Amino acid sequence: ASVNKKHIITSAIEHPAVMQPCLQL
């Protein structure tokens, strides 16, 4: 839903339910 943005930040200890959507992006 963001406009003209293409960067996200997460941490190295996230659950796969967070890390995998980030990797999909």
PDBML (XML) file of the C-alpha atoms, coordinates in Angstrom:
<?xml version="1.0" encoding="UTF-8" ?>
<PDBx:datablock datablockName="MODEL"
   xmlns:PDBx="http://pdbml.pdb.org/schema/pdbx-v50.xsd"
   xmlns:xsi="http://www.w3.org/2001/XMLSchema-instance"
   xsi:schemaLocation="http://pdbml.pdb.org/schema/pdbx-v50.xsd pdbx-v50.xsd">
   <PDBx:atom_siteCategory>
      <PDBx:atom_site id="1">
         <PDBx:B_iso_or_equiv>0.00</PDBx:B_iso_or_equiv>
         <PDBx:Cartn_x>0.000</PDBx:Cartn_x>
         <PDBx:Cartn_y>0.000</PDBx:Cartn_y>
         <PDBx:Cartn_z>0.000</PDBx:Cartn_z>
         <PDBx:auth_asym_id>A</PDBx:auth_asym_id>
         <PDBx:auth_atom_id>CA</PDBx:auth_atom_id>
         <PDBx:auth_comp_id>ALA</PDBx:auth_comp_id>
         <PDBx:auth_seq_id>1</PDBx:auth_seq_id>
         <PDBx:group_PDB>ATOM</PDBx:group_PDB>
         <PDBx:label_alt_id xsi:nil="true" />
         <PDBx:label_asym_id>A</PDBx:label_asym_id>
         <PDBx:label_atom_id>CA</PDBx:label_atom_id>
         <PDBx:label_comp_id>ALA</PDBx:label_comp_id>
         <PDBx:label_entity_id>1</PDBx:label_entity_id>
         <PDBx:label_seq_id>1</PDBx:label_seq_id>
         <PDBx:occupancy>1.00</PDBx:occupancy>
         <PDBx:pdbx_PDB_model_num>1</PDBx:pdbx_PDB_model_num>
         <PDBx:type_symbol>C</PDBx:type_symbol>
      </PDBx:atom_site>
      <PDBx:atom_site id="2">
         <PDBx:B_iso_or_equiv>0.00</PDBx:B_iso_or_equiv>
         <PDBx:Cartn_x>3.041</PDBx:Cartn_x>
         <PDBx:Cartn_y>2.273</PDBx:Cartn_y>
         <PDBx:Cartn_z>0.231</PDBx:Cartn_z>
         <PDBx:auth_asym_id>A</PDBx:auth_asym_id>
         <PDBx:auth_atom_id>CA</PDBx:auth_atom_id>
         <PDBx:auth_comp_id>SER</PDBx:auth_comp_id>
         <PDBx:auth_seq_id>2</PDBx:auth_seq_id>
         <PDBx:group_PDB>ATOM</PDBx:group_PDB>
         <PDBx:label_alt_id xsi:nil="true" />
         <PDBx:label_asym_id>A</PDBx:label_asym_id>
         <PDBx:label_atom_id>CA</PDBx:label_atom_id>
         <PDBx:label_comp_id>SER</PDBx:label_comp_id>
         <PDBx:label_entity_id>1</PDBx:label_entity_id>
         <PDBx:label_seq_id>2</PDBx:label_seq_id>
         <PDBx:occupancy>1.00</PDBx:occupancy>
         <PDBx:pdbx_PDB_model_num>1</PDBx:pdbx_PDB_model_num>
         <PDBx:type_symbol>C</PDBx:type_symbol>
      </PDBx:atom_site>
      <PDBx:atom_site id="3">
         <PDBx:B_iso_or_equiv>0.00</PDBx:B_iso_or_equiv>
         <PDBx:Cartn_x>3.712</PDBx:Cartn_x>
         <PDBx:Cartn_y>4.787</PDBx:Cartn_y>
         <PDBx:Cartn_z>-2.520</PDBx:Cartn_z>
         <PDBx:auth_asym_id>A</PDBx:auth_asym_id>
         <PDBx:auth_atom_id>CA</PDBx:auth_atom_id>
         <PDBx:auth_comp_id>VAL</PDBx:auth_comp_id>
         <PDBx:auth_seq_id>3</PDBx:auth_seq_id>
         <PDBx:group_PDB>ATOM</PDBx:group_PDB>
         <PDBx:label_alt_id xsi:nil="true" />
         <PDBx:label_asym_id>A</PDBx:label_asym_id>
         <PDBx:label_atom_id>CA</PDBx:label_atom_id>
         <PDBx:label_comp_id>VAL</PDBx:label_comp_id>
         <PDBx:label_entity_id>1</PDBx:label_entity_id>
         <PDBx:label_seq_id>3</PDBx:label_seq_id>
         <PDBx:occupancy>1.00</PDBx:occupancy>
         <PDBx:pdbx_PDB_model_num>1</PDBx:pdbx_PDB_model_num>
         <PDBx:type_symbol>C</PDBx:type_symbol>
      </PDBx:atom_site>
      <PDBx:atom_site id="4">
         <PDBx:B_iso_or_equiv>0.00</PDBx:B_iso_or_equiv>
         <PDBx:Cartn_x>7.157</PDBx:Cartn_x>
         <PDBx:Cartn_y>5.076</PDBx:Cartn_y>
         <PDBx:Cartn_z>-4.126</PDBx:Cartn_z>
         <PDBx:auth_asym_id>A</PDBx:auth_asym_id>
         <PDBx:auth_atom_id>CA</PDBx:auth_atom_id>
         <PDBx:auth_comp_id>ASN</PDBx:auth_comp_id>
         <PDBx:auth_seq_id>4</PDBx:auth_seq_id>
         <PDBx:group_PDB>ATOM</PDBx:group_PDB>
         <PDBx:label_alt_id xsi:nil="true" />
         <PDBx:label_asym_id>A</PDBx:label_asym_id>
         <PDBx:label_atom_id>CA</PDBx:label_atom_id>
         <PDBx:label_comp_id>ASN</PDBx:label_comp_id>
         <PDBx:label_entity_id>1</PDBx:label_entity_id>
         <PDBx:label_seq_id>4</PDBx:label_seq_id>
         <PDBx:occupancy>1.00</PDBx:occupancy>
         <PDBx:pdbx_PDB_model_num>1</PDBx:pdbx_PDB_model_num>
         <PDBx:type_symbol>C</PDBx:type_symbol>
      </PDBx:atom_site>
      <PDBx:atom_site id="5">
         <PDBx:B_iso_or_equiv>0.00</PDBx:B_iso_or_equiv>
         <PDBx:Cartn_x>8.850</PDBx:Cartn_x>
         <PDBx:Cartn_y>3.068</PDBx:Cartn_y>
         <PDBx:Cartn_z>-1.384</PDBx:Cartn_z>
         <PDBx:auth_asym_id>A</PDBx:auth_asym_id>
         <PDBx:auth_atom_id>CA</PDBx:auth_atom_id>
         <PDBx:auth_comp_id>LYS</PDBx:auth_comp_id>
         <PDBx:auth_seq_id>5</PDBx:auth_seq_id>
         <PDBx:group_PDB>ATOM</PDBx:group_PDB>
         <PDBx:label_alt_id xsi:nil="true" />
         <PDBx:label_asym_id>A</PDBx:label_asym_id>
         <PDBx:label_atom_id>CA</PDBx:label_atom_id>
         <PDBx:label_comp_id>LYS</PDBx:label_comp_id>
         <PDBx:label_entity_id>1</PDBx:label_entity_id>
         <PDBx:label_seq_id>5</PDBx:label_seq_id>
         <PDBx:occupancy>1.00</PDBx:occupancy>
         <PDBx:pdbx_PDB_model_num>1</PDBx:pdbx_PDB_model_num>
         <PDBx:type_symbol>C</PDBx:type_symbol>
      </PDBx:atom_site>
      <PDBx:atom_site id="6">
         <PDBx:B_iso_or_equiv>0.00</PDBx:B_iso_or_equiv>
         <PDBx:Cartn_x>10.636</PDBx:Cartn_x>
         <PDBx:Cartn_y>-0.258</PDBx:Cartn_y>
         <PDBx:Cartn_z>-1.783</PDBx:Cartn_z>
         <PDBx:auth_asym_id>A</PDBx:auth_asym_id>
         <PDBx:auth_atom_id>CA</PDBx:auth_atom_id>
         <PDBx:auth_comp_id>LYS</PDBx:auth_comp_id>
         <PDBx:auth_seq_id>6</PDBx:auth_seq_id>
         <PDBx:group_PDB>ATOM</PDBx:group_PDB>
         <PDBx:label_alt_id xsi:nil="true" />
         <PDBx:label_asym_id>A</PDBx:label_asym_id>
         <PDBx:label_atom_id>CA</PDBx:label_atom_id>
         <PDBx:label_comp_id>LYS</PDBx:label_comp_id>
         <PDBx:label_entity_id>1</PDBx:label_entity_id>
         <PDBx:label_seq_id>6</PDBx:label_seq_id>
         <PDBx:occupancy>1.00</PDBx:occupancy>
         <PDBx:pdbx_PDB_model_num>1</PDBx:pdbx_PDB_model_num>
         <PDBx:type_symbol>C</PDBx:type_symbol>
      </PDBx:atom_site>
      <PDBx:atom_site id="7">
         <PDBx:B_iso_or_equiv>0.00</PDBx:B_iso_or_equiv>
         <PDBx:Cartn_x>12.552</PDBx:Cartn_x>
         <PDBx:Cartn_y>-0.939</PDBx:Cartn_y>
         <PDBx:Cartn_z>1.436</PDBx:Cartn_z>
         <PDBx:auth_asym_id>A</PDBx:auth_asym_id>
         <PDBx:auth_atom_id>CA</PDBx:auth_atom_id>
         <PDBx:auth_comp_id>HIS</PDBx:auth_comp_id>
         <PDBx:auth_seq_id>7</PDBx:auth_seq_id>
         <PDBx:group_PDB>ATOM</PDBx:group_PDB>
         <PDBx:label_alt_id xsi:nil="true" />
         <PDBx:label_asym_id>A</PDBx:label_asym_id>
         <PDBx:label_atom_id>CA</PDBx:label_atom_id>
         <PDBx:label_comp_id>HIS</PDBx:label_comp_id>
         <PDBx:label_entity_id>1</PDBx:label_entity_id>
         <PDBx:label_seq_id>7</PDBx:label_seq_id>
         <PDBx:occupancy>1.00</PDBx:occupancy>
         <PDBx:pdbx_PDB_model_num>1</PDBx:pdbx_PDB_model_num>
         <PDBx:type_symbol>C</PDBx:type_symbol>
      </PDBx:atom_site>
      <PDBx:atom_site id="8">
         <PDBx:B_iso_or_equiv>0.00</PDBx:B_iso_or_equiv>
         <PDBx:Cartn_x>11.610</PDBx:Cartn_x>
         <PDBx:Cartn_y>-2.879</PDBx:Cartn_y>
         <PDBx:Cartn_z>4.574</PDBx:Cartn_z>
         <PDBx:auth_asym_id>A</PDBx:auth_asym_id>
         <PDBx:auth_atom_id>CA</PDBx:auth_atom_id>
         <PDBx:auth_comp_id>ILE</PDBx:auth_comp_id>
         <PDBx:auth_seq_id>8</PDBx:auth_seq_id>
         <PDBx:group_PDB>ATOM</PDBx:group_PDB>
         <PDBx:label_alt_id xsi:nil="true" />
         <PDBx:label_asym_id>A</PDBx:label_asym_id>
         <PDBx:label_atom_id>CA</PDBx:label_atom_id>
         <PDBx:label_comp_id>ILE</PDBx:label_comp_id>
         <PDBx:label_entity_id>1</PDBx:label_entity_id>
         <PDBx:label_seq_id>8</PDBx:label_seq_id>
         <PDBx:occupancy>1.00</PDBx:occupancy>
         <PDBx:pdbx_PDB_model_num>1</PDBx:pdbx_PDB_model_num>
         <PDBx:type_symbol>C</PDBx:type_symbol>
      </PDBx:atom_site>
      <PDBx:atom_site id="9">
         <PDBx:B_iso_or_equiv>0.00</PDBx:B_iso_or_equiv>
         <PDBx:Cartn_x>13.440</PDBx:Cartn_x>
         <PDBx:Cartn_y>-3.634</PDBx:Cartn_y>
         <PDBx:Cartn_z>7.814</PDBx:Cartn_z>
         <PDBx:auth_asym_id>A</PDBx:auth_asym_id>
         <PDBx:auth_atom_id>CA</PDBx:auth_atom_id>
         <PDBx:auth_comp_id>ILE</PDBx:auth_comp_id>
         <PDBx:auth_seq_id>9</PDBx:auth_seq_id>
         <PDBx:group_PDB>ATOM</PDBx:group_PDB>
         <PDBx:label_alt_id xsi:nil="true" />
         <PDBx:label_asym_id>A</PDBx:label_asym_id>
         <PDBx:label_atom_id>CA</PDBx:label_atom_id>
         <PDBx:label_comp_id>ILE</PDBx:label_comp_id>
         <PDBx:label_entity_id>1</PDBx:label_entity_id>
         <PDBx:label_seq_id>9</PDBx:label_seq_id>
         <PDBx:occupancy>1.00</PDBx:occupancy>
         <PDBx:pdbx_PDB_model_num>1</PDBx:pdbx_PDB_model_num>
         <PDBx:type_symbol>C</PDBx:type_symbol>
      </PDBx:atom_site>
      <PDBx:atom_site id="10">
         <PDBx:B_iso_or_equiv>0.00</PDBx:B_iso_or_equiv>
         <PDBx:Cartn_x>13.162</PDBx:Cartn_x>
         <PDBx:Cartn_y>-6.619</PDBx:Cartn_y>
         <PDBx:Cartn_z>10.148</PDBx:Cartn_z>
         <PDBx:auth_asym_id>A</PDBx:auth_asym_id>
         <PDBx:auth_atom_id>CA</PDBx:auth_atom_id>
         <PDBx:auth_comp_id>THR</PDBx:auth_comp_id>
         <PDBx:auth_seq_id>10</PDBx:auth_seq_id>
         <PDBx:group_PDB>ATOM</PDBx:group_PDB>
         <PDBx:label_alt_id xsi:nil="true" />
         <PDBx:label_asym_id>A</PDBx:label_asym_id>
         <PDBx:label_atom_id>CA</PDBx:label_atom_id>
         <PDBx:label_comp_id>THR</PDBx:label_comp_id>
         <PDBx:label_entity_id>1</PDBx:label_entity_id>
         <PDBx:label_seq_id>10</PDBx:label_seq_id>
         <PDBx:occupancy>1.00</PDBx:occupancy>
         <PDBx:pdbx_PDB_model_num>1</PDBx:pdbx_PDB_model_num>
         <PDBx:type_symbol>C</PDBx:type_symbol>
      </PDBx:atom_site>
      <PDBx:atom_site id="11">
         <PDBx:B_iso_or_equiv>0.00</PDBx:B_iso_or_equiv>
         <PDBx:Cartn_x>15.402</PDBx:Cartn_x>
         <PDBx:Cartn_y>-8.425</PDBx:Cartn_y>
         <PDBx:Cartn_z>12.653</PDBx:Cartn_z>
         <PDBx:auth_asym_id>A</PDBx:auth_asym_id>
         <PDBx:auth_atom_id>CA</PDBx:auth_atom_id>
         <PDBx:auth_comp_id>SER</PDBx:auth_comp_id>
         <PDBx:auth_seq_id>11</PDBx:auth_seq_id>
         <PDBx:group_PDB>ATOM</PDBx:group_PDB>
         <PDBx:label_alt_id xsi:nil="true" />
         <PDBx:label_asym_id>A</PDBx:label_asym_id>
         <PDBx:label_atom_id>CA</PDBx:label_atom_id>
         <PDBx:label_comp_id>SER</PDBx:label_comp_id>
         <PDBx:label_entity_id>1</PDBx:label_entity_id>
         <PDBx:label_seq_id>11</PDBx:label_seq_id>
         <PDBx:occupancy>1.00</PDBx:occupancy>
         <PDBx:pdbx_PDB_model_num>1</PDBx:pdbx_PDB_model_num>
         <PDBx:type_symbol>C</PDBx:type_symbol>
      </PDBx:atom_site>
      <PDBx:atom_site id="12">
         <PDBx:B_iso_or_equiv>0.00</PDBx:B_iso_or_equiv>
         <PDBx:Cartn_x>17.498</PDBx:Cartn_x>
         <PDBx:Cartn_y>-11.578</PDBx:Cartn_y>
         <PDBx:Cartn_z>12.560</PDBx:Cartn_z>
         <PDBx:auth_asym_id>A</PDBx:auth_asym_id>
         <PDBx:auth_atom_id>CA</PDBx:auth_atom_id>
         <PDBx:auth_comp_id>ALA</PDBx:auth_comp_id>
         <PDBx:auth_seq_id>12</PDBx:auth_seq_id>
         <PDBx:group_PDB>ATOM</PDBx:group_PDB>
         <PDBx:label_alt_id xsi:nil="true" />
         <PDBx:label_asym_id>A</PDBx:label_asym_id>
         <PDBx:label_atom_id>CA</PDBx:label_atom_id>
         <PDBx:label_comp_id>ALA</PDBx:label_comp_id>
         <PDBx:label_entity_id>1</PDBx:label_entity_id>
         <PDBx:label_seq_id>12</PDBx:label_seq_id>
         <PDBx:occupancy>1.00</PDBx:occupancy>
         <PDBx:pdbx_PDB_model_num>1</PDBx:pdbx_PDB_model_num>
         <PDBx:type_symbol>C</PDBx:type_symbol>
      </PDBx:atom_site>
      <PDBx:atom_site id="13">
         <PDBx:B_iso_or_equiv>0.00</PDBx:B_iso_or_equiv>
         <PDBx:Cartn_x>15.413</PDBx:Cartn_x>
         <PDBx:Cartn_y>-13.337</PDBx:Cartn_y>
         <PDBx:Cartn_z>15.226</PDBx:Cartn_z>
         <PDBx:auth_asym_id>A</PDBx:auth_asym_id>
         <PDBx:auth_atom_id>CA</PDBx:auth_atom_id>
         <PDBx:auth_comp_id>ILE</PDBx:auth_comp_id>
         <PDBx:auth_seq_id>13</PDBx:auth_seq_id>
         <PDBx:group_PDB>ATOM</PDBx:group_PDB>
         <PDBx:label_alt_id xsi:nil="true" />
         <PDBx:label_asym_id>A</PDBx:label_asym_id>
         <PDBx:label_atom_id>CA</PDBx:label_atom_id>
         <PDBx:label_comp_id>ILE</PDBx:label_comp_id>
         <PDBx:label_entity_id>1</PDBx:label_entity_id>
         <PDBx:label_seq_id>13</PDBx:label_seq_id>
         <PDBx:occupancy>1.00</PDBx:occupancy>
         <PDBx:pdbx_PDB_model_num>1</PDBx:pdbx_PDB_model_num>
         <PDBx:type_symbol>C</PDBx:type_symbol>
      </PDBx:atom_site>
      <PDBx:atom_site id="14">
         <PDBx:B_iso_or_equiv>0.00</PDBx:B_iso_or_equiv>
         <PDBx:Cartn_x>11.937</PDBx:Cartn_x>
         <PDBx:Cartn_y>-13.024</PDBx:Cartn_y>
         <PDBx:Cartn_z>13.753</PDBx:Cartn_z>
         <PDBx:auth_asym_id>A</PDBx:auth_asym_id>
         <PDBx:auth_atom_id>CA</PDBx:auth_atom_id>
         <PDBx:auth_comp_id>GLU</PDBx:auth_comp_id>
         <PDBx:auth_seq_id>14</PDBx:auth_seq_id>
         <PDBx:group_PDB>ATOM</PDBx:group_PDB>
         <PDBx:label_alt_id xsi:nil="true" />
         <PDBx:label_asym_id>A</PDBx:label_asym_id>
         <PDBx:label_atom_id>CA</PDBx:label_atom_id>
         <PDBx:label_comp_id>GLU</PDBx:label_comp_id>
         <PDBx:label_entity_id>1</PDBx:label_entity_id>
         <PDBx:label_seq_id>14</PDBx:label_seq_id>
         <PDBx:occupancy>1.00</PDBx:occupancy>
         <PDBx:pdbx_PDB_model_num>1</PDBx:pdbx_PDB_model_num>
         <PDBx:type_symbol>C</PDBx:type_symbol>
      </PDBx:atom_site>
      <PDBx:atom_site id="15">
         <PDBx:B_iso_or_equiv>0.00</PDBx:B_iso_or_equiv>
         <PDBx:Cartn_x>9.525</PDBx:Cartn_x>
         <PDBx:Cartn_y>-15.944</PDBx:Cartn_y>
         <PDBx:Cartn_z>13.518</PDBx:Cartn_z>
         <PDBx:auth_asym_id>A</PDBx:auth_asym_id>
         <PDBx:auth_atom_id>CA</PDBx:auth_atom_id>
         <PDBx:auth_comp_id>HIS</PDBx:auth_comp_id>
         <PDBx:auth_seq_id>15</PDBx:auth_seq_id>
         <PDBx:group_PDB>ATOM</PDBx:group_PDB>
         <PDBx:label_alt_id xsi:nil="true" />
         <PDBx:label_asym_id>A</PDBx:label_asym_id>
         <PDBx:label_atom_id>CA</PDBx:label_atom_id>
         <PDBx:label_comp_id>HIS</PDBx:label_comp_id>
         <PDBx:label_entity_id>1</PDBx:label_entity_id>
         <PDBx:label_seq_id>15</PDBx:label_seq_id>
         <PDBx:occupancy>1.00</PDBx:occupancy>
         <PDBx:pdbx_PDB_model_num>1</PDBx:pdbx_PDB_model_num>
         <PDBx:type_symbol>C</PDBx:type_symbol>
      </PDBx:atom_site>
      <PDBx:atom_site id="16">
         <PDBx:B_iso_or_equiv>0.00</PDBx:B_iso_or_equiv>
         <PDBx:Cartn_x>9.236</PDBx:Cartn_x>
         <PDBx:Cartn_y>-17.473</PDBx:Cartn_y>
         <PDBx:Cartn_z>10.025</PDBx:Cartn_z>
         <PDBx:auth_asym_id>A</PDBx:auth_asym_id>
         <PDBx:auth_atom_id>CA</PDBx:auth_atom_id>
         <PDBx:auth_comp_id>PRO</PDBx:auth_comp_id>
         <PDBx:auth_seq_id>16</PDBx:auth_seq_id>
         <PDBx:group_PDB>ATOM</PDBx:group_PDB>
         <PDBx:label_alt_id xsi:nil="true" />
         <PDBx:label_asym_id>A</PDBx:label_asym_id>
         <PDBx:label_atom_id>CA</PDBx:label_atom_id>
         <PDBx:label_comp_id>PRO</PDBx:label_comp_id>
         <PDBx:label_entity_id>1</PDBx:label_entity_id>
         <PDBx:label_seq_id>16</PDBx:label_seq_id>
         <PDBx:occupancy>1.00</PDBx:occupancy>
         <PDBx:pdbx_PDB_model_num>1</PDBx:pdbx_PDB_model_num>
         <PDBx:type_symbol>C</PDBx:type_symbol>
      </PDBx:atom_site>
      <PDBx:atom_site id="17">
         <PDBx:B_iso_or_equiv>0.00</PDBx:B_iso_or_equiv>
         <PDBx:Cartn_x>5.727</PDBx:Cartn_x>
         <PDBx:Cartn_y>-15.990</PDBx:Cartn_y>
         <PDBx:Cartn_z>9.835</PDBx:Cartn_z>
         <PDBx:auth_asym_id>A</PDBx:auth_asym_id>
         <PDBx:auth_atom_id>CA</PDBx:auth_atom_id>
         <PDBx:auth_comp_id>ALA</PDBx:auth_comp_id>
         <PDBx:auth_seq_id>17</PDBx:auth_seq_id>
         <PDBx:group_PDB>ATOM</PDBx:group_PDB>
         <PDBx:label_alt_id xsi:nil="true" />
         <PDBx:label_asym_id>A</PDBx:label_asym_id>
         <PDBx:label_atom_id>CA</PDBx:label_atom_id>
         <PDBx:label_comp_id>ALA</PDBx:label_comp_id>
         <PDBx:label_entity_id>1</PDBx:label_entity_id>
         <PDBx:label_seq_id>17</PDBx:label_seq_id>
         <PDBx:occupancy>1.00</PDBx:occupancy>
         <PDBx:pdbx_PDB_model_num>1</PDBx:pdbx_PDB_model_num>
         <PDBx:type_symbol>C</PDBx:type_symbol>
      </PDBx:atom_site>
      <PDBx:atom_site id="18">
         <PDBx:B_iso_or_equiv>0.00</PDBx:B_iso_or_equiv>
         <PDBx:Cartn_x>7.433</PDBx:Cartn_x>
         <PDBx:Cartn_y>-12.588</PDBx:Cartn_y>
         <PDBx:Cartn_z>9.638</PDBx:Cartn_z>
         <PDBx:auth_asym_id>A</PDBx:auth_asym_id>
         <PDBx:auth_atom_id>CA</PDBx:auth_atom_id>
         <PDBx:auth_comp_id>VAL</PDBx:auth_comp_id>
         <PDBx:auth_seq_id>18</PDBx:auth_seq_id>
         <PDBx:group_PDB>ATOM</PDBx:group_PDB>
         <PDBx:label_alt_id xsi:nil="true" />
         <PDBx:label_asym_id>A</PDBx:label_asym_id>
         <PDBx:label_atom_id>CA</PDBx:label_atom_id>
         <PDBx:label_comp_id>VAL</PDBx:label_comp_id>
         <PDBx:label_entity_id>1</PDBx:label_entity_id>
         <PDBx:label_seq_id>18</PDBx:label_seq_id>
         <PDBx:occupancy>1.00</PDBx:occupancy>
         <PDBx:pdbx_PDB_model_num>1</PDBx:pdbx_PDB_model_num>
         <PDBx:type_symbol>C</PDBx:type_symbol>
      </PDBx:atom_site>
      <PDBx:atom_site id="19">
         <PDBx:B_iso_or_equiv>0.00</PDBx:B_iso_or_equiv>
         <PDBx:Cartn_x>10.657</PDBx:Cartn_x>
         <PDBx:Cartn_y>-13.463</PDBx:Cartn_y>
         <PDBx:Cartn_z>7.881</PDBx:Cartn_z>
         <PDBx:auth_asym_id>A</PDBx:auth_asym_id>
         <PDBx:auth_atom_id>CA</PDBx:auth_atom_id>
         <PDBx:auth_comp_id>MET</PDBx:auth_comp_id>
         <PDBx:auth_seq_id>19</PDBx:auth_seq_id>
         <PDBx:group_PDB>ATOM</PDBx:group_PDB>
         <PDBx:label_alt_id xsi:nil="true" />
         <PDBx:label_asym_id>A</PDBx:label_asym_id>
         <PDBx:label_atom_id>CA</PDBx:label_atom_id>
         <PDBx:label_comp_id>MET</PDBx:label_comp_id>
         <PDBx:label_entity_id>1</PDBx:label_entity_id>
         <PDBx:label_seq_id>19</PDBx:label_seq_id>
         <PDBx:occupancy>1.00</PDBx:occupancy>
         <PDBx:pdbx_PDB_model_num>1</PDBx:pdbx_PDB_model_num>
         <PDBx:type_symbol>C</PDBx:type_symbol>
      </PDBx:atom_site>
      <PDBx:atom_site id="20">
         <PDBx:B_iso_or_equiv>0.00</PDBx:B_iso_or_equiv>
         <PDBx:Cartn_x>9.047</PDBx:Cartn_x>
         <PDBx:Cartn_y>-15.352</PDBx:Cartn_y>
         <PDBx:Cartn_z>5.014</PDBx:Cartn_z>
         <PDBx:auth_asym_id>A</PDBx:auth_asym_id>
         <PDBx:auth_atom_id>CA</PDBx:auth_atom_id>
         <PDBx:auth_comp_id>GLN</PDBx:auth_comp_id>
         <PDBx:auth_seq_id>20</PDBx:auth_seq_id>
         <PDBx:group_PDB>ATOM</PDBx:group_PDB>
         <PDBx:label_alt_id xsi:nil="true" />
         <PDBx:label_asym_id>A</PDBx:label_asym_id>
         <PDBx:label_atom_id>CA</PDBx:label_atom_id>
         <PDBx:label_comp_id>GLN</PDBx:label_comp_id>
         <PDBx:label_entity_id>1</PDBx:label_entity_id>
         <PDBx:label_seq_id>20</PDBx:label_seq_id>
         <PDBx:occupancy>1.00</PDBx:occupancy>
         <PDBx:pdbx_PDB_model_num>1</PDBx:pdbx_PDB_model_num>
         <PDBx:type_symbol>C</PDBx:type_symbol>
      </PDBx:atom_site>
      <PDBx:atom_site id="21">
         <PDBx:B_iso_or_equiv>0.00</PDBx:B_iso_or_equiv>
         <PDBx:Cartn_x>6.663</PDBx:Cartn_x>
         <PDBx:Cartn_y>-12.522</PDBx:Cartn_y>
         <PDBx:Cartn_z>3.969</PDBx:Cartn_z>
         <PDBx:auth_asym_id>A</PDBx:auth_asym_id>
         <PDBx:auth_atom_id>CA</PDBx:auth_atom_id>
         <PDBx:auth_comp_id>PRO</PDBx:auth_comp_id>
         <PDBx:auth_seq_id>21</PDBx:auth_seq_id>
         <PDBx:group_PDB>ATOM</PDBx:group_PDB>
         <PDBx:label_alt_id xsi:nil="true" />
         <PDBx:label_asym_id>A</PDBx:label_asym_id>
         <PDBx:label_atom_id>CA</PDBx:label_atom_id>
         <PDBx:label_comp_id>PRO</PDBx:label_comp_id>
         <PDBx:label_entity_id>1</PDBx:label_entity_id>
         <PDBx:label_seq_id>21</PDBx:label_seq_id>
         <PDBx:occupancy>1.00</PDBx:occupancy>
         <PDBx:pdbx_PDB_model_num>1</PDBx:pdbx_PDB_model_num>
         <PDBx:type_symbol>C</PDBx:type_symbol>
      </PDBx:atom_site>
      <PDBx:atom_site id="22">
         <PDBx:B_iso_or_equiv>0.00</PDBx:B_iso_or_equiv>
         <PDBx:Cartn_x>9.679</PDBx:Cartn_x>
         <PDBx:Cartn_y>-10.185</PDBx:Cartn_y>
         <PDBx:Cartn_z>4.092</PDBx:Cartn_z>
         <PDBx:auth_asym_id>A</PDBx:auth_asym_id>
         <PDBx:auth_atom_id>CA</PDBx:auth_atom_id>
         <PDBx:auth_comp_id>CYS</PDBx:auth_comp_id>
         <PDBx:auth_seq_id>22</PDBx:auth_seq_id>
         <PDBx:group_PDB>ATOM</PDBx:group_PDB>
         <PDBx:label_alt_id xsi:nil="true" />
         <PDBx:label_asym_id>A</PDBx:label_asym_id>
         <PDBx:label_atom_id>CA</PDBx:label_atom_id>
         <PDBx:label_comp_id>CYS</PDBx:label_comp_id>
         <PDBx:label_entity_id>1</PDBx:label_entity_id>
         <PDBx:label_seq_id>22</PDBx:label_seq_id>
         <PDBx:occupancy>1.00</PDBx:occupancy>
         <PDBx:pdbx_PDB_model_num>1</PDBx:pdbx_PDB_model_num>
         <PDBx:type_symbol>C</PDBx:type_symbol>
      </PDBx:atom_site>
      <PDBx:atom_site id="23">
         <PDBx:B_iso_or_equiv>0.00</PDBx:B_iso_or_equiv>
         <PDBx:Cartn_x>11.634</PDBx:Cartn_x>
         <PDBx:Cartn_y>-12.556</PDBx:Cartn_y>
         <PDBx:Cartn_z>1.866</PDBx:Cartn_z>
         <PDBx:auth_asym_id>A</PDBx:auth_asym_id>
         <PDBx:auth_atom_id>CA</PDBx:auth_atom_id>
         <PDBx:auth_comp_id>LEU</PDBx:auth_comp_id>
         <PDBx:auth_seq_id>23</PDBx:auth_seq_id>
         <PDBx:group_PDB>ATOM</PDBx:group_PDB>
         <PDBx:label_alt_id xsi:nil="true" />
         <PDBx:label_asym_id>A</PDBx:label_asym_id>
         <PDBx:label_atom_id>CA</PDBx:label_atom_id>
         <PDBx:label_comp_id>LEU</PDBx:label_comp_id>
         <PDBx:label_entity_id>1</PDBx:label_entity_id>
         <PDBx:label_seq_id>23</PDBx:label_seq_id>
         <PDBx:occupancy>1.00</PDBx:occupancy>
         <PDBx:pdbx_PDB_model_num>1</PDBx:pdbx_PDB_model_num>
         <PDBx:type_symbol>C</PDBx:type_symbol>
      </PDBx:atom_site>
      <PDBx:atom_site id="24">
         <PDBx:B_iso_or_equiv>0.00</PDBx:B_iso_or_equiv>
         <PDBx:Cartn_x>8.659</PDBx:Cartn_x>
         <PDBx:Cartn_y>-12.729</PDBx:Cartn_y>
         <PDBx:Cartn_z>-0.500</PDBx:Cartn_z>
         <PDBx:auth_asym_id>A</PDBx:auth_asym_id>
         <PDBx:auth_atom_id>CA</PDBx:auth_atom_id>
         <PDBx:auth_comp_id>GLN</PDBx:auth_comp_id>
         <PDBx:auth_seq_id>24</PDBx:auth_seq_id>
         <PDBx:group_PDB>ATOM</PDBx:group_PDB>
         <PDBx:label_alt_id xsi:nil="true" />
         <PDBx:label_asym_id>A</PDBx:label_asym_id>
         <PDBx:label_atom_id>CA</PDBx:label_atom_id>
         <PDBx:label_comp_id>GLN</PDBx:label_comp_id>
         <PDBx:label_entity_id>1</PDBx:label_entity_id>
         <PDBx:label_seq_id>24</PDBx:label_seq_id>
         <PDBx:occupancy>1.00</PDBx:occupancy>
         <PDBx:pdbx_PDB_model_num>1</PDBx:pdbx_PDB_model_num>
         <PDBx:type_symbol>C</PDBx:type_symbol>
      </PDBx:atom_site>
      <PDBx:atom_site id="25">
         <PDBx:B_iso_or_equiv>0.00</PDBx:B_iso_or_equiv>
         <PDBx:Cartn_x>8.751</PDBx:Cartn_x>
         <PDBx:Cartn_y>-8.956</PDBx:Cartn_y>
         <PDBx:Cartn_z>-0.854</PDBx:Cartn_z>
         <PDBx:auth_asym_id>A</PDBx:auth_asym_id>
         <PDBx:auth_atom_id>CA</PDBx:auth_atom_id>
         <PDBx:auth_comp_id>LEU</PDBx:auth_comp_id>
         <PDBx:auth_seq_id>25</PDBx:auth_seq_id>
         <PDBx:group_PDB>ATOM</PDBx:group_PDB>
         <PDBx:label_alt_id xsi:nil="true" />
         <PDBx:label_asym_id>A</PDBx:label_asym_id>
         <PDBx:label_atom_id>CA</PDBx:label_atom_id>
         <PDBx:label_comp_id>LEU</PDBx:label_comp_id>
         <PDBx:label_entity_id>1</PDBx:label_entity_id>
         <PDBx:label_seq_id>25</PDBx:label_seq_id>
         <PDBx:occupancy>1.00</PDBx:occupancy>
         <PDBx:pdbx_PDB_model_num>1</PDBx:pdbx_PDB_model_num>
         <PDBx:type_symbol>C</PDBx:type_symbol>
      </PDBx:atom_site>
   </PDBx:atom_siteCategory>
</PDBx:datablock>
